[in-house]
Amino acid sequence: MSCRRVAPKSDFWRVVRLAKTTTVCLDKGMGRSAYLCPDAGCLRLAQRKNRLGRALKVPIPDSLWPLLWQRLDASTSPTPLAVEPPSHNLPTLG
């Protein structure tokens, strides 16, 4: 939405204004949808320029932005690498 990147829908976050209401939720529901790239730059632009609000034609609740930022932090935080224990392969005699 903010960066106008083209990719499969599964690569984006779906923000939905539920049909016939002004309720905005994430990922599920029927109604007007906007797709947001899970990138800090896109999220910053969408928030600063009210791009979600304009796309959904409803004011975006202030409580939604911290949820999106938390989701971004969770998706970009480094995951611990699986470390295998050292193998104690001793040479066999014989």
Protein backbone atom coordinates (compact mmCIF):
# COMPACT_ATOMS: atom_id res chain seq x y z
CA MET A 1 0.00 0.00 0.00
CA SER A 2 2.58 2.57 1.02
CA CYS A 3 5.39 1.39 -1.21
CA ARG A 4 3.10 -0.04 -3.92
CA ARG A 5 5.16 -3.22 -3.96
CA VAL A 6 3.71 -6.06 -5.99
CA ALA A 7 3.80 -9.46 -4.28
CA PRO A 8 1.44 -12.27 -3.28
CA LYS A 9 -1.20 -11.23 -0.73
CA SER A 10 0.30 -13.64 1.78
CA ASP A 11 3.41 -11.41 1.97
CA PHE A 12 1.35 -8.49 3.32
CA TRP A 13 -0.63 -7.72 6.47
CA ARG A 14 -4.35 -7.37 5.88
CA VAL A 15 -6.16 -4.55 7.66
CA VAL A 16 -9.95 -4.74 7.42
CA ARG A 17 -12.77 -2.30 8.04
CA LEU A 18 -15.64 -4.60 8.86
CA ALA A 19 -18.65 -4.25 6.57
CA LYS A 20 -21.22 -1.61 7.55
CA THR A 21 -19.21 -0.52 10.59
CA THR A 22 -16.22 1.64 11.42
CA THR A 23 -14.47 -1.21 13.26
CA VAL A 24 -10.94 -1.90 12.02
CA CYS A 25 -9.24 -5.22 12.69
CA LEU A 26 -6.27 -7.24 11.50
CA ASP A 27 -6.24 -10.26 9.23
CA LYS A 28 -9.84 -11.48 9.44
CA GLY A 29 -13.28 -10.27 8.56
CA MET A 30 -15.36 -9.27 5.59
CA GLY A 31 -15.34 -5.72 4.41
CA ARG A 32 -13.04 -3.13 2.90
CA SER A 33 -9.40 -4.26 3.06
CA ALA A 34 -6.00 -2.69 2.70
CA TYR A 35 -2.73 -4.57 2.51
CA LEU A 36 0.35 -3.27 4.26
CA CYS A 37 3.91 -4.28 3.53
CA PRO A 38 5.62 -5.61 6.71
CA ASP A 39 8.41 -3.06 6.48
CA ALA A 40 9.30 -0.24 8.90
CA GLY A 41 9.42 2.36 6.11
CA CYS A 42 6.00 1.39 4.78
CA LEU A 43 4.48 1.31 8.24
CA ARG A 44 5.95 4.72 9.07
CA LEU A 45 4.58 6.24 5.84
CA ALA A 46 1.16 4.66 6.31
CA GLN A 47 0.95 6.08 9.82
CA ARG A 48 2.34 9.51 9.06
CA LYS A 49 0.32 10.11 5.90
CA ASN A 50 -2.86 8.36 7.11
CA ARG A 51 -2.77 6.00 4.14
CA LEU A 52 -4.66 3.25 5.95
CA GLY A 53 -7.39 5.66 6.97
CA ARG A 54 -7.81 6.91 3.42
CA ALA A 55 -7.76 3.41 1.94
CA LEU A 56 -10.32 2.10 4.43
CA LYS A 57 -12.33 5.35 4.44
CA VAL A 58 -12.47 5.41 8.25
CA PRO A 59 -10.30 6.90 11.02
CA ILE A 60 -7.71 4.38 12.21
CA PRO A 61 -7.85 3.86 16.00
CA ASP A 62 -4.67 4.84 17.83
CA SER A 63 -4.58 1.37 19.41
CA LEU A 64 -3.92 -0.27 16.02
CA TRP A 65 -0.50 1.30 15.41
CA PRO A 66 1.26 -0.21 18.45
CA LEU A 67 -0.09 -3.63 17.40
CA LEU A 68 1.38 -3.22 13.93
CA TRP A 69 4.73 -2.06 15.32
CA GLN A 70 4.82 -5.04 17.70
CA ARG A 71 4.04 -7.37 14.83
CA LEU A 72 6.87 -5.81 12.83
CA ASP A 73 9.30 -6.18 15.75
CA ALA A 74 8.31 -9.81 16.19
CA SER A 75 8.77 -10.57 12.50
CA THR A 76 12.17 -8.88 12.23
CA SER A 77 13.73 -9.92 15.54
CA PRO A 78 16.53 -12.39 15.01
CA THR A 79 15.62 -15.92 15.86
CA PRO A 80 18.17 -17.85 17.83
CA LEU A 81 20.11 -20.24 15.69
CA ALA A 82 19.90 -23.87 16.55
CA VAL A 83 23.26 -24.87 17.91
CA GLU A 84 24.15 -28.50 17.86
CA PRO A 85 26.06 -29.82 20.84
CA PRO A 86 29.62 -30.73 20.06
CA SER A 87 29.99 -34.29 18.94
CA HIS A 88 32.38 -36.38 20.93
CA ASN A 89 33.32 -38.78 18.21
CA LEU A 90 36.24 -40.69 19.56
CA PRO A 91 38.29 -42.70 17.15
CA THR A 92 37.63 -46.36 17.42
CA LEU A 93 40.51 -48.71 18.04
CA GLY A 94 40.91 -51.83 16.14
